[in-house]
Amino acid sequence: MYIIGENIHIISQAVKKALKERDAKYFQESAVKQVEAGAQAIDLNMGPRKKDWEEVFPWMVKTVEAVVDVPLSFDTTNINGMEAALKTVTKAQPILNSTSAEAERLEKVPLLAKQYNTRLIALTLTKSGIPVSADERVGIALEYLIPRCLEIDFPISDLIIDPLVLTVSGCQEYCPELIGAVQTLPFAWDPPPAISVGLSNVSNAVPHENRPLINRTYCAMLMGAGLQMMIADPLDEKLKETIRVIEERDESTAVGRLYLKIADRIAAMEEPQPEDVDMSDPEQVAIWKTVQILLNKVIYADGYLQQ
């Protein structure tokens, strides 16, 4: 699993404070911790950054590149900020996060990616919003995202399709459709583009204590669907252990066997079944309940584990 570390994100109050104070040490320590924990790239999410982008984006690149050698992912809606960052990069091939099928971004961002030889994350999003169904999301990739890359001779090998994870709290019907999109997208083109998701989006607006369980259960399901790249928290040890268990097919623990069974069921285009679960084990029961929520079989509620 290729993990793009998500922990430098402007939504964090600590990140906002550090950016305001130009606290280089904060960002350098975060980047190093993420890479040491297994992140293969670092996402720098600074939002639209409309006022001081000419100074901030280059400063951030220099600050983080001073301590790590991995690719940097520039997660912003500010196209000028993207370019300011790209002009400053001196190390690994960066990632632009992101374009969409919205006209202005689809016109400008892929050209920027080609000019600066970056990888490009492309969202299955149009001006009408995010479609619910897997087929519609794949359709956006086939009708807009891939054709635009071909039009400008941008290598499909550097294209990363993001079919968009939405929160189980309020957008529950999107969760199983996202799995279907991940399963289908590899057949959308030959050679297929890479696929990535923002994993922790699935647990946004969920009570903090439930978020890691939802994230790692969804991760197991998506790995079964074929996912090999994601923006996620590399410091989440239980998430990393779930990934390891599935990749190495480690059946040495009961919980590990359950996560493997979940991934295998999804890989076989099946739904996990009650007989896969030891219902006398509270941890397995919690995973099972989470699977039912993520498959939209049971209506999500914040206290679903107690039901």
C-alpha atoms as a PDB file:
ATOM      1  CA  MET A   1       0.000   0.000   0.000  1.00  0.00           C
ATOM      2  CA  TYR A   2       1.375   3.366  -1.060  1.00  0.00           C
ATOM      3  CA  ILE A   3       0.487   5.788   1.745  1.00  0.00           C
ATOM      4  CA  ILE A   4       0.456   9.545   1.230  1.00  0.00           C
ATOM      5  CA  GLY A   5       0.724  10.990   4.736  1.00  0.00           C
ATOM      6  CA  GLU A   6      -2.240  13.202   5.560  1.00  0.00           C
ATOM      7  CA  ASN A   7      -1.150  14.880   8.783  1.00  0.00           C
ATOM      8  CA  ILE A   8      -0.182  18.328   7.469  1.00  0.00           C
ATOM      9  CA  HIS A   9      -3.725  19.562   6.883  1.00  0.00           C
ATOM     10  CA  ILE A  10      -4.948  23.129   7.260  1.00  0.00           C
ATOM     11  CA  ILE A  11      -8.106  21.936   9.019  1.00  0.00           C
ATOM     12  CA  SER A  12      -5.896  21.151  12.040  1.00  0.00           C
ATOM     13  CA  GLN A  13      -5.637  23.997  14.529  1.00  0.00           C
ATOM     14  CA  ALA A  14      -2.026  23.038  15.239  1.00  0.00           C
ATOM     15  CA  VAL A  15      -1.200  23.279  11.527  1.00  0.00           C
ATOM     16  CA  LYS A  16      -2.953  26.645  11.255  1.00  0.00           C
ATOM     17  CA  LYS A  17      -0.965  27.982  14.213  1.00  0.00           C
ATOM     18  CA  ALA A  18       2.339  26.626  12.923  1.00  0.00           C
ATOM     19  CA  LEU A  19       1.737  28.062   9.469  1.00  0.00           C
ATOM     20  CA  LYS A  20       0.807  31.454  10.889  1.00  0.00           C
ATOM     21  CA  GLU A  21       4.008  31.502  12.955  1.00  0.00           C
ATOM     22  CA  ARG A  22       6.141  29.949  10.160  1.00  0.00           C
ATOM     23  CA  ASP A  23       7.167  27.264  12.616  1.00  0.00           C
ATOM     24  CA  ALA A  24       9.474  25.236  10.399  1.00  0.00           C
ATOM     25  CA  LYS A  25      10.318  22.793  13.193  1.00  0.00           C
ATOM     26  CA  TYR A  26       6.670  21.750  13.537  1.00  0.00           C
ATOM     27  CA  PHE A  27       6.344  20.841   9.855  1.00  0.00           C
ATOM     28  CA  GLN A  28       9.740  19.182   9.677  1.00  0.00           C
ATOM     29  CA  GLU A  29       9.034  16.992  12.703  1.00  0.00           C
ATOM     30  CA  SER A  30       5.624  16.032  11.294  1.00  0.00           C
ATOM     31  CA  ALA A  31       7.088  15.137   7.909  1.00  0.00           C
ATOM     32  CA  VAL A  32       9.916  13.072   9.415  1.00  0.00           C
ATOM     33  CA  LYS A  33       7.543  11.200  11.754  1.00  0.00           C
ATOM     34  CA  GLN A  34       5.244  10.344   8.868  1.00  0.00           C
ATOM     35  CA  VAL A  35       8.060   9.095   6.649  1.00  0.00           C
ATOM     36  CA  GLU A  36       9.604   7.093   9.483  1.00  0.00           C
ATOM     37  CA  ALA A  37       6.155   5.536  10.049  1.00  0.00           C
ATOM     38  CA  GLY A  38       5.970   4.411   6.423  1.00  0.00           C
ATOM     39  CA  ALA A  39       4.524   7.300   4.400  1.00  0.00           C
ATOM     40  CA  GLN A  40       5.872   7.207   0.851  1.00  0.00           C
ATOM     41  CA  ALA A  41       4.741  10.766   0.097  1.00  0.00           C
ATOM     42  CA  ILE A  42       3.621  13.752   2.163  1.00  0.00           C
ATOM     43  CA  ASP A  43       0.405  15.626   1.444  1.00  0.00           C
ATOM     44  CA  LEU A  44       0.621  19.368   2.100  1.00  0.00           C
ATOM     45  CA  ASN A  45      -2.961  20.565   2.417  1.00  0.00           C
ATOM     46  CA  MET A  46      -2.972  24.326   2.789  1.00  0.00           C
ATOM     47  CA  GLY A  47      -6.446  25.043   1.464  1.00  0.00           C
ATOM     48  CA  PRO A  48      -7.062  27.856  -1.052  1.00  0.00           C
ATOM     49  CA  ARG A  49      -4.430  30.127   0.564  1.00  0.00           C
ATOM     50  CA  LYS A  50      -5.530  33.233  -1.345  1.00  0.00           C
ATOM     51  CA  LYS A  51      -3.549  35.994   0.374  1.00  0.00           C
ATOM     52  CA  ASP A  52       0.047  34.935   0.891  1.00  0.00           C
ATOM     53  CA  TRP A  53       0.430  32.008  -1.487  1.00  0.00           C
ATOM     54  CA  GLU A  54       3.459  33.476  -3.299  1.00  0.00           C
ATOM     55  CA  GLU A  55       5.490  33.223  -0.099  1.00  0.00           C
ATOM     56  CA  VAL A  56       3.820  30.310   1.725  1.00  0.00           C
ATOM     57  CA  PHE A  57       3.973  27.571  -0.907  1.00  0.00           C
ATOM     58  CA  PRO A  58       7.712  27.936  -1.655  1.00  0.00           C
ATOM     59  CA  TRP A  59       8.441  28.245   2.076  1.00  0.00           C
ATOM     60  CA  MET A  60       6.601  25.025   2.801  1.00  0.00           C
ATOM     61  CA  VAL A  61       8.410  23.135   0.027  1.00  0.00           C
ATOM     62  CA  LYS A  62      11.840  24.298   1.209  1.00  0.00           C
ATOM     63  CA  THR A  63      10.962  23.545   4.825  1.00  0.00           C
ATOM     64  CA  VAL A  64       9.816  19.972   4.217  1.00  0.00           C
ATOM     65  CA  GLU A  65      12.344  19.090   1.507  1.00  0.00           C
ATOM     66  CA  ALA A  66      15.093  20.039   3.949  1.00  0.00           C
ATOM     67  CA  VAL A  67      14.329  16.922   6.020  1.00  0.00           C
ATOM     68  CA  VAL A  68      12.672  14.320   3.735  1.00  0.00           C
ATOM     69  CA  ASP A  69      13.268  13.045   0.207  1.00  0.00           C
ATOM     70  CA  VAL A  70       9.809  11.617  -0.581  1.00  0.00           C
ATOM     71  CA  PRO A  71       7.375  13.162  -3.086  1.00  0.00           C
ATOM     72  CA  LEU A  72       5.299  16.103  -1.894  1.00  0.00           C
ATOM     73  CA  SER A  73       1.602  16.276  -2.758  1.00  0.00           C
ATOM     74  CA  PHE A  74       0.214  19.787  -3.144  1.00  0.00           C
ATOM     75  CA  ASP A  75      -3.384  19.694  -1.958  1.00  0.00           C
ATOM     76  CA  THR A  76      -4.929  23.050  -2.781  1.00  0.00           C
ATOM     77  CA  THR A  77      -7.549  24.762  -4.925  1.00  0.00           C
ATOM     78  CA  ASN A  78      -5.090  27.577  -5.644  1.00  0.00           C
ATOM     79  CA  ILE A  79      -3.607  26.844  -9.063  1.00  0.00           C
ATOM     80  CA  ASN A  80      -1.107  29.707  -8.747  1.00  0.00           C
ATOM     81  CA  GLY A  81      -0.045  28.281  -5.398  1.00  0.00           C
ATOM     82  CA  MET A  82       0.481  24.906  -7.016  1.00  0.00           C
ATOM     83  CA  GLU A  83       2.807  26.435  -9.578  1.00  0.00           C
ATOM     84  CA  ALA A  84       4.708  28.431  -6.946  1.00  0.00           C
ATOM     85  CA  ALA A  85       5.312  25.164  -5.090  1.00  0.00           C
ATOM     86  CA  LEU A  86       6.337  23.276  -8.230  1.00  0.00           C
ATOM     87  CA  LYS A  87       8.893  25.925  -9.146  1.00  0.00           C
ATOM     88  CA  THR A  88      10.550  25.307  -5.777  1.00  0.00           C
ATOM     89  CA  VAL A  89      10.687  21.481  -5.788  1.00  0.00           C
ATOM     90  CA  THR A  90      14.199  20.055  -6.081  1.00  0.00           C
ATOM     91  CA  LYS A  91      13.749  16.402  -5.067  1.00  0.00           C
ATOM     92  CA  ALA A  92      11.204  13.688  -5.939  1.00  0.00           C
ATOM     93  CA  GLN A  93       8.497  13.883  -8.600  1.00  0.00           C
ATOM     94  CA  PRO A  94       5.638  15.778  -6.909  1.00  0.00           C
ATOM     95  CA  ILE A  95       1.893  15.154  -6.989  1.00  0.00           C
ATOM     96  CA  LEU A  96      -0.804  17.704  -7.807  1.00  0.00           C
ATOM     97  CA  ASN A  97      -3.917  17.193  -5.709  1.00  0.00           C
ATOM     98  CA  SER A  98      -6.039  17.826  -7.617  1.00  0.00           C
ATOM     99  CA  THR A  99      -7.973  18.415 -10.787  1.00  0.00           C
ATOM    100  CA  SER A 100     -11.601  17.464 -11.334  1.00  0.00           C
ATOM    101  CA  ALA A 101     -13.917  17.377 -14.322  1.00  0.00           C
ATOM    102  CA  GLU A 102     -14.957  20.971 -13.627  1.00  0.00           C
ATOM    103  CA  ALA A 103     -14.123  23.007 -16.718  1.00  0.00           C
ATOM    104  CA  GLU A 104     -11.579  25.498 -15.356  1.00  0.00           C
ATOM    105  CA  ARG A 105      -9.609  22.973 -13.333  1.00  0.00           C
ATOM    106  CA  LEU A 106      -9.663  20.382 -16.111  1.00  0.00           C
ATOM    107  CA  GLU A 107      -8.337  23.016 -18.500  1.00  0.00           C
ATOM    108  CA  LYS A 108      -5.515  24.312 -16.298  1.00  0.00           C
ATOM    109  CA  VAL A 109      -4.311  21.726 -13.773  1.00  0.00           C
ATOM    110  CA  PRO A 110      -3.388  18.891 -16.193  1.00  0.00           C
ATOM    111  CA  LEU A 111      -1.355  21.377 -18.236  1.00  0.00           C
ATOM    112  CA  LEU A 112       0.494  22.390 -15.088  1.00  0.00           C
ATOM    113  CA  ALA A 113       1.128  18.731 -14.252  1.00  0.00           C
ATOM    114  CA  LYS A 114       2.561  18.124 -17.706  1.00  0.00           C
ATOM    115  CA  GLN A 115       4.709  21.256 -17.655  1.00  0.00           C
ATOM    116  CA  TYR A 116       6.331  20.321 -14.345  1.00  0.00           C
ATOM    117  CA  ASN A 117       6.375  16.531 -14.842  1.00  0.00           C
ATOM    118  CA  THR A 118       4.192  15.714 -11.837  1.00  0.00           C
ATOM    119  CA  ARG A 119       1.768  12.968 -11.026  1.00  0.00           C
ATOM    120  CA  LEU A 120      -1.836  14.144 -11.057  1.00  0.00           C
ATOM    121  CA  ILE A 121      -4.744  13.210  -8.813  1.00  0.00           C
ATOM    122  CA  ALA A 122      -8.057  13.621 -10.663  1.00  0.00           C
ATOM    123  CA  LEU A 123     -11.367  13.591  -8.801  1.00  0.00           C
ATOM    124  CA  THR A 124     -14.542  12.070 -10.226  1.00  0.00           C
ATOM    125  CA  LEU A 125     -16.311  15.359  -9.632  1.00  0.00           C
ATOM    126  CA  THR A 126     -18.201  17.630 -12.024  1.00  0.00           C
ATOM    127  CA  LYS A 127     -19.811  21.019 -11.550  1.00  0.00           C
ATOM    128  CA  SER A 128     -22.963  19.098 -10.611  1.00  0.00           C
ATOM    129  CA  GLY A 129     -21.165  17.473  -7.673  1.00  0.00           C
ATOM    130  CA  ILE A 130     -20.226  13.907  -6.803  1.00  0.00           C
ATOM    131  CA  PRO A 131     -22.430  11.216  -8.333  1.00  0.00           C
ATOM    132  CA  VAL A 132     -23.654   8.463  -6.058  1.00  0.00           C
ATOM    133  CA  SER A 133     -23.253   5.434  -8.317  1.00  0.00           C
ATOM    134  CA  ALA A 134     -20.008   3.645  -9.135  1.00  0.00           C
ATOM    135  CA  ASP A 135     -20.860   3.642 -12.853  1.00  0.00           C
ATOM    136  CA  GLU A 136     -21.294   7.412 -12.926  1.00  0.00           C
ATOM    137  CA  ARG A 137     -17.943   7.961 -11.237  1.00  0.00           C
ATOM    138  CA  VAL A 138     -16.207   5.638 -13.660  1.00  0.00           C
ATOM    139  CA  GLY A 139     -18.039   7.468 -16.447  1.00  0.00           C
ATOM    140  CA  ILE A 140     -16.497  10.773 -15.389  1.00  0.00           C
ATOM    141  CA  ALA A 141     -13.035   9.205 -15.597  1.00  0.00           C
ATOM    142  CA  LEU A 142     -13.777   7.800 -19.063  1.00  0.00           C
ATOM    143  CA  GLU A 143     -15.545  10.851 -20.485  1.00  0.00           C
ATOM    144  CA  TYR A 144     -13.529  13.703 -19.003  1.00  0.00           C
ATOM    145  CA  LEU A 145     -10.426  12.884 -16.974  1.00  0.00           C
ATOM    146  CA  ILE A 146      -8.647  10.331 -19.165  1.00  0.00           C
ATOM    147  CA  PRO A 147      -9.568  12.055 -22.473  1.00  0.00           C
ATOM    148  CA  ARG A 148      -8.165  15.347 -21.210  1.00  0.00           C
ATOM    149  CA  CYS A 149      -4.873  13.683 -20.341  1.00  0.00           C
ATOM    150  CA  LEU A 150      -4.735  12.026 -23.764  1.00  0.00           C
ATOM    151  CA  GLU A 151      -5.546  15.344 -25.425  1.00  0.00           C
ATOM    152  CA  ILE A 152      -2.472  17.024 -23.945  1.00  0.00           C
ATOM    153  CA  ASP A 153      -0.271  13.906 -24.125  1.00  0.00           C
ATOM    154  CA  PHE A 154      -0.062  13.584 -20.361  1.00  0.00           C
ATOM    155  CA  PRO A 155       1.105  10.059 -19.435  1.00  0.00           C
ATOM    156  CA  ILE A 156      -1.668   7.892 -18.048  1.00  0.00           C
ATOM    157  CA  SER A 157       1.022   6.237 -15.927  1.00  0.00           C
ATOM    158  CA  ASP A 158       1.196   9.495 -13.944  1.00  0.00           C
ATOM    159  CA  LEU A 159      -2.592   9.848 -13.597  1.00  0.00           C
ATOM    160  CA  ILE A 160      -4.232   8.912 -10.281  1.00  0.00           C
ATOM    161  CA  ILE A 161      -8.033   8.684 -10.216  1.00  0.00           C
ATOM    162  CA  ASP A 162      -9.727   9.496  -6.905  1.00  0.00           C
ATOM    163  CA  PRO A 163     -13.359   8.276  -6.921  1.00  0.00           C
ATOM    164  CA  LEU A 164     -14.004  10.211  -3.710  1.00  0.00           C
ATOM    165  CA  VAL A 165     -14.677   8.834  -0.250  1.00  0.00           C
ATOM    166  CA  LEU A 166     -17.485  10.601   1.592  1.00  0.00           C
ATOM    167  CA  THR A 167     -18.403  10.292   5.234  1.00  0.00           C
ATOM    168  CA  VAL A 168     -20.549   7.423   6.438  1.00  0.00           C
ATOM    169  CA  SER A 169     -22.278  10.026   8.610  1.00  0.00           C
ATOM    170  CA  GLY A 170     -24.715  11.642   6.206  1.00  0.00           C
ATOM    171  CA  CYS A 171     -23.537  10.085   2.941  1.00  0.00           C
ATOM    172  CA  GLN A 172     -23.806   6.404   3.811  1.00  0.00           C
ATOM    173  CA  GLU A 173     -25.122   5.373   0.411  1.00  0.00           C
ATOM    174  CA  TYR A 174     -21.833   6.466  -1.189  1.00  0.00           C
ATOM    175  CA  CYS A 175     -19.735   3.951   0.773  1.00  0.00           C
ATOM    176  CA  PRO A 176     -20.555   0.733  -1.123  1.00  0.00           C
ATOM    177  CA  GLU A 177     -20.601   2.610  -4.438  1.00  0.00           C
ATOM    178  CA  LEU A 178     -17.038   3.767  -3.826  1.00  0.00           C
ATOM    179  CA  ILE A 179     -16.006   0.127  -3.440  1.00  0.00           C
ATOM    180  CA  GLY A 180     -17.634  -0.628  -6.789  1.00  0.00           C
ATOM    181  CA  ALA A 181     -15.813   2.277  -8.424  1.00  0.00           C
ATOM    182  CA  VAL A 182     -12.439   1.039  -7.128  1.00  0.00           C
ATOM    183  CA  GLN A 183     -13.219  -2.430  -8.509  1.00  0.00           C
ATOM    184  CA  THR A 184     -14.219  -1.109 -11.926  1.00  0.00           C
ATOM    185  CA  LEU A 185     -11.704   1.671 -12.624  1.00  0.00           C
ATOM    186  CA  PRO A 186      -8.774  -0.671 -13.429  1.00  0.00           C
ATOM    187  CA  PHE A 187     -10.787  -1.811 -16.447  1.00  0.00           C
ATOM    188  CA  ALA A 188     -11.437   1.742 -17.629  1.00  0.00           C
ATOM    189  CA  TRP A 189      -8.237   2.024 -19.655  1.00  0.00           C
ATOM    190  CA  ASP A 190      -5.239   0.007 -20.769  1.00  0.00           C
ATOM    191  CA  PRO A 191      -2.864   0.568 -19.118  1.00  0.00           C
ATOM    192  CA  PRO A 192      -5.074   1.528 -16.183  1.00  0.00           C
ATOM    193  CA  PRO A 193      -4.475   4.697 -14.183  1.00  0.00           C
ATOM    194  CA  ALA A 194      -3.622   4.370 -10.503  1.00  0.00           C
ATOM    195  CA  ILE A 195      -6.444   4.746  -7.986  1.00  0.00           C
ATOM    196  CA  SER A 196      -6.216   6.566  -4.662  1.00  0.00           C
ATOM    197  CA  VAL A 197      -8.677   7.669  -1.995  1.00  0.00           C
ATOM    198  CA  GLY A 198      -8.700   9.923   1.041  1.00  0.00           C
ATOM    199  CA  LEU A 199      -9.403   7.117   3.497  1.00  0.00           C
ATOM    200  CA  SER A 200     -10.164   9.086   6.656  1.00  0.00           C
ATOM    201  CA  ASN A 201     -12.897  11.060   4.886  1.00  0.00           C
ATOM    202  CA  VAL A 202     -15.154   8.064   5.531  1.00  0.00           C
ATOM    203  CA  SER A 203     -15.155   8.823   9.252  1.00  0.00           C
ATOM    204  CA  ASN A 204     -15.432  12.598   9.133  1.00  0.00           C
ATOM    205  CA  ALA A 205     -18.118  13.878  11.517  1.00  0.00           C
ATOM    206  CA  VAL A 206     -18.009  10.575  13.430  1.00  0.00           C
ATOM    207  CA  PRO A 207     -17.205  10.501  17.195  1.00  0.00           C
ATOM    208  CA  HIS A 208     -13.441  10.359  17.624  1.00  0.00           C
ATOM    209  CA  GLU A 209     -13.415   6.988  19.375  1.00  0.00           C
ATOM    210  CA  ASN A 210     -15.107   5.269  16.395  1.00  0.00           C
ATOM    211  CA  ARG A 211     -13.020   6.799  13.612  1.00  0.00           C
ATOM    212  CA  PRO A 212     -10.035   4.397  13.587  1.00  0.00           C
ATOM    213  CA  LEU A 213     -12.282   1.304  13.486  1.00  0.00           C
ATOM    214  CA  ILE A 214     -14.300   2.687  10.570  1.00  0.00           C
ATOM    215  CA  ASN A 215     -11.131   3.703   8.727  1.00  0.00           C
ATOM    216  CA  ARG A 216      -9.384   0.349   9.002  1.00  0.00           C
ATOM    217  CA  THR A 217     -12.500  -1.690   8.255  1.00  0.00           C
ATOM    218  CA  TYR A 218     -13.128   0.363   5.113  1.00  0.00           C
ATOM    219  CA  CYS A 219      -9.447  -0.011   4.257  1.00  0.00           C
ATOM    220  CA  ALA A 220      -9.773  -3.813   4.370  1.00  0.00           C
ATOM    221  CA  MET A 221     -12.825  -3.654   2.106  1.00  0.00           C
ATOM    222  CA  LEU A 222     -11.100  -1.320  -0.353  1.00  0.00           C
ATOM    223  CA  MET A 223      -7.967  -3.468  -0.414  1.00  0.00           C
ATOM    224  CA  GLY A 224     -10.214  -6.351  -1.361  1.00  0.00           C
ATOM    225  CA  ALA A 225     -11.497  -4.164  -4.194  1.00  0.00           C
ATOM    226  CA  GLY A 226      -7.901  -3.669  -5.359  1.00  0.00           C
ATOM    227  CA  LEU A 227      -6.871  -0.366  -3.771  1.00  0.00           C
ATOM    228  CA  GLN A 228      -3.089   0.104  -3.627  1.00  0.00           C
ATOM    229  CA  MET A 229      -2.746   3.813  -2.783  1.00  0.00           C
ATOM    230  CA  MET A 230      -4.383   6.164  -0.288  1.00  0.00           C
ATOM    231  CA  ILE A 231      -4.044   9.400   1.613  1.00  0.00           C
ATOM    232  CA  ALA A 232      -4.127   8.294   5.242  1.00  0.00           C
ATOM    233  CA  ASP A 233      -2.544   8.634   8.675  1.00  0.00           C
ATOM    234  CA  PRO A 234       0.739   6.661   8.717  1.00  0.00           C
ATOM    235  CA  LEU A 235       0.867   7.053  12.504  1.00  0.00           C
ATOM    236  CA  ASP A 236      -2.253   4.898  12.947  1.00  0.00           C
ATOM    237  CA  GLU A 237      -0.593   1.658  14.034  1.00  0.00           C
ATOM    238  CA  LYS A 238      -3.771  -0.461  13.937  1.00  0.00           C
ATOM    239  CA  LEU A 239      -4.482   0.716  10.400  1.00  0.00           C
ATOM    240  CA  LYS A 240      -0.955  -0.197   9.332  1.00  0.00           C
ATOM    241  CA  GLU A 241      -1.300  -3.584  11.016  1.00  0.00           C
ATOM    242  CA  THR A 242      -4.526  -4.236   9.104  1.00  0.00           C
ATOM    243  CA  ILE A 243      -2.726  -3.405   5.853  1.00  0.00           C
ATOM    244  CA  ARG A 244       0.169  -5.676   6.770  1.00  0.00           C
ATOM    245  CA  VAL A 245      -2.112  -8.579   7.674  1.00  0.00           C
ATOM    246  CA  ILE A 246      -3.902  -8.360   4.318  1.00  0.00           C
ATOM    247  CA  GLU A 247      -0.763  -7.865   2.239  1.00  0.00           C
ATOM    248  CA  GLU A 248       1.101 -10.695   3.961  1.00  0.00           C
ATOM    249  CA  ARG A 249      -2.011 -12.870   4.399  1.00  0.00           C
ATOM    250  CA  ASP A 250      -1.181 -13.288   8.072  1.00  0.00           C
ATOM    251  CA  GLU A 251      -3.773 -15.627   9.597  1.00  0.00           C
ATOM    252  CA  SER A 252      -2.109 -15.837  13.008  1.00  0.00           C
ATOM    253  CA  THR A 253      -4.855 -13.929  14.878  1.00  0.00           C
ATOM    254  CA  ALA A 254      -8.634 -14.199  14.845  1.00  0.00           C
ATOM    255  CA  VAL A 255      -9.099 -10.514  14.041  1.00  0.00           C
ATOM    256  CA  GLY A 256      -6.515 -10.733  11.280  1.00  0.00           C
ATOM    257  CA  ARG A 257      -8.340 -13.697   9.781  1.00  0.00           C
ATOM    258  CA  LEU A 258     -11.565 -11.684   9.817  1.00  0.00           C
ATOM    259  CA  TYR A 259     -10.008  -8.723   8.011  1.00  0.00           C
ATOM    260  CA  LEU A 260      -8.570 -11.144   5.462  1.00  0.00           C
ATOM    261  CA  LYS A 261     -11.959 -12.773   4.984  1.00  0.00           C
ATOM    262  CA  ILE A 262     -13.571  -9.371   4.483  1.00  0.00           C
ATOM    263  CA  ALA A 263     -10.979  -8.451   1.840  1.00  0.00           C
ATOM    264  CA  ASP A 264     -11.333 -11.830   0.144  1.00  0.00           C
ATOM    265  CA  ARG A 265     -15.129 -11.595   0.038  1.00  0.00           C
ATOM    266  CA  ILE A 266     -14.950  -8.160  -1.595  1.00  0.00           C
ATOM    267  CA  ALA A 267     -12.310  -9.409  -4.041  1.00  0.00           C
ATOM    268  CA  ALA A 268     -14.699 -12.200  -5.045  1.00  0.00           C
ATOM    269  CA  MET A 269     -17.525  -9.654  -5.548  1.00  0.00           C
ATOM    270  CA  GLU A 270     -19.293 -11.083  -2.494  1.00  0.00           C
ATOM    271  CA  GLU A 271     -20.537  -9.557   0.742  1.00  0.00           C
ATOM    272  CA  PRO A 272     -18.984 -10.629   4.056  1.00  0.00           C
ATOM    273  CA  GLN A 273     -21.202 -13.148   5.837  1.00  0.00           C
ATOM    274  CA  PRO A 274     -22.130 -13.730   9.518  1.00  0.00           C
ATOM    275  CA  GLU A 275     -20.371 -17.091   9.465  1.00  0.00           C
ATOM    276  CA  ASP A 276     -17.095 -15.239   8.873  1.00  0.00           C
ATOM    277  CA  VAL A 277     -17.386 -13.757  12.374  1.00  0.00           C
ATOM    278  CA  ASP A 278     -16.962 -15.175  15.880  1.00  0.00           C
ATOM    279  CA  MET A 279     -19.910 -13.447  17.494  1.00  0.00           C
ATOM    280  CA  SER A 280     -18.554 -14.236  20.967  1.00  0.00           C
ATOM    281  CA  ASP A 281     -15.595 -11.898  20.312  1.00  0.00           C
ATOM    282  CA  PRO A 282     -16.553  -8.228  20.951  1.00  0.00           C
ATOM    283  CA  GLU A 283     -13.789  -6.940  18.649  1.00  0.00           C
ATOM    284  CA  GLN A 284     -15.004  -9.067  15.745  1.00  0.00           C
ATOM    285  CA  VAL A 285     -18.612  -8.043  16.428  1.00  0.00           C
ATOM    286  CA  ALA A 286     -17.578  -4.364  16.256  1.00  0.00           C
ATOM    287  CA  ILE A 287     -15.885  -4.991  12.901  1.00  0.00           C
ATOM    288  CA  TRP A 288     -18.959  -6.851  11.635  1.00  0.00           C
ATOM    289  CA  LYS A 289     -21.279  -4.012  12.658  1.00  0.00           C
ATOM    290  CA  THR A 290     -18.973  -1.571  10.897  1.00  0.00           C
ATOM    291  CA  VAL A 291     -19.042  -3.645   7.705  1.00  0.00           C
ATOM    292  CA  GLN A 292     -22.848  -3.555   7.765  1.00  0.00           C
ATOM    293  CA  ILE A 293     -22.782   0.221   8.099  1.00  0.00           C
ATOM    294  CA  LEU A 294     -20.281   0.599   5.265  1.00  0.00           C
ATOM    295  CA  LEU A 295     -22.341  -1.649   2.998  1.00  0.00           C
ATOM    296  CA  ASN A 296     -25.380   0.532   3.767  1.00  0.00           C
ATOM    297  CA  LYS A 297     -27.189  -2.478   5.259  1.00  0.00           C
ATOM    298  CA  VAL A 298     -27.811  -0.805   8.618  1.00  0.00           C
ATOM    299  CA  ILE A 299     -28.528   2.889   9.110  1.00  0.00           C
ATOM    300  CA  TYR A 300     -25.558   4.687  10.626  1.00  0.00           C
ATOM    301  CA  ALA A 301     -25.896   6.232  14.076  1.00  0.00           C
ATOM    302  CA  ASP A 302     -23.091   7.535  16.305  1.00  0.00           C
ATOM    303  CA  GLY A 303     -23.888   4.827  18.857  1.00  0.00           C
ATOM    304  CA  TYR A 304     -24.145   1.988  16.352  1.00  0.00           C
ATOM    305  CA  LEU A 305     -21.639  -0.173  18.242  1.00  0.00           C
ATOM    306  CA  GLN A 306     -23.891  -0.149  21.299  1.00  0.00           C
ATOM    307  CA  GLN A 307     -26.982  -1.161  19.392  1.00  0.00           C
END
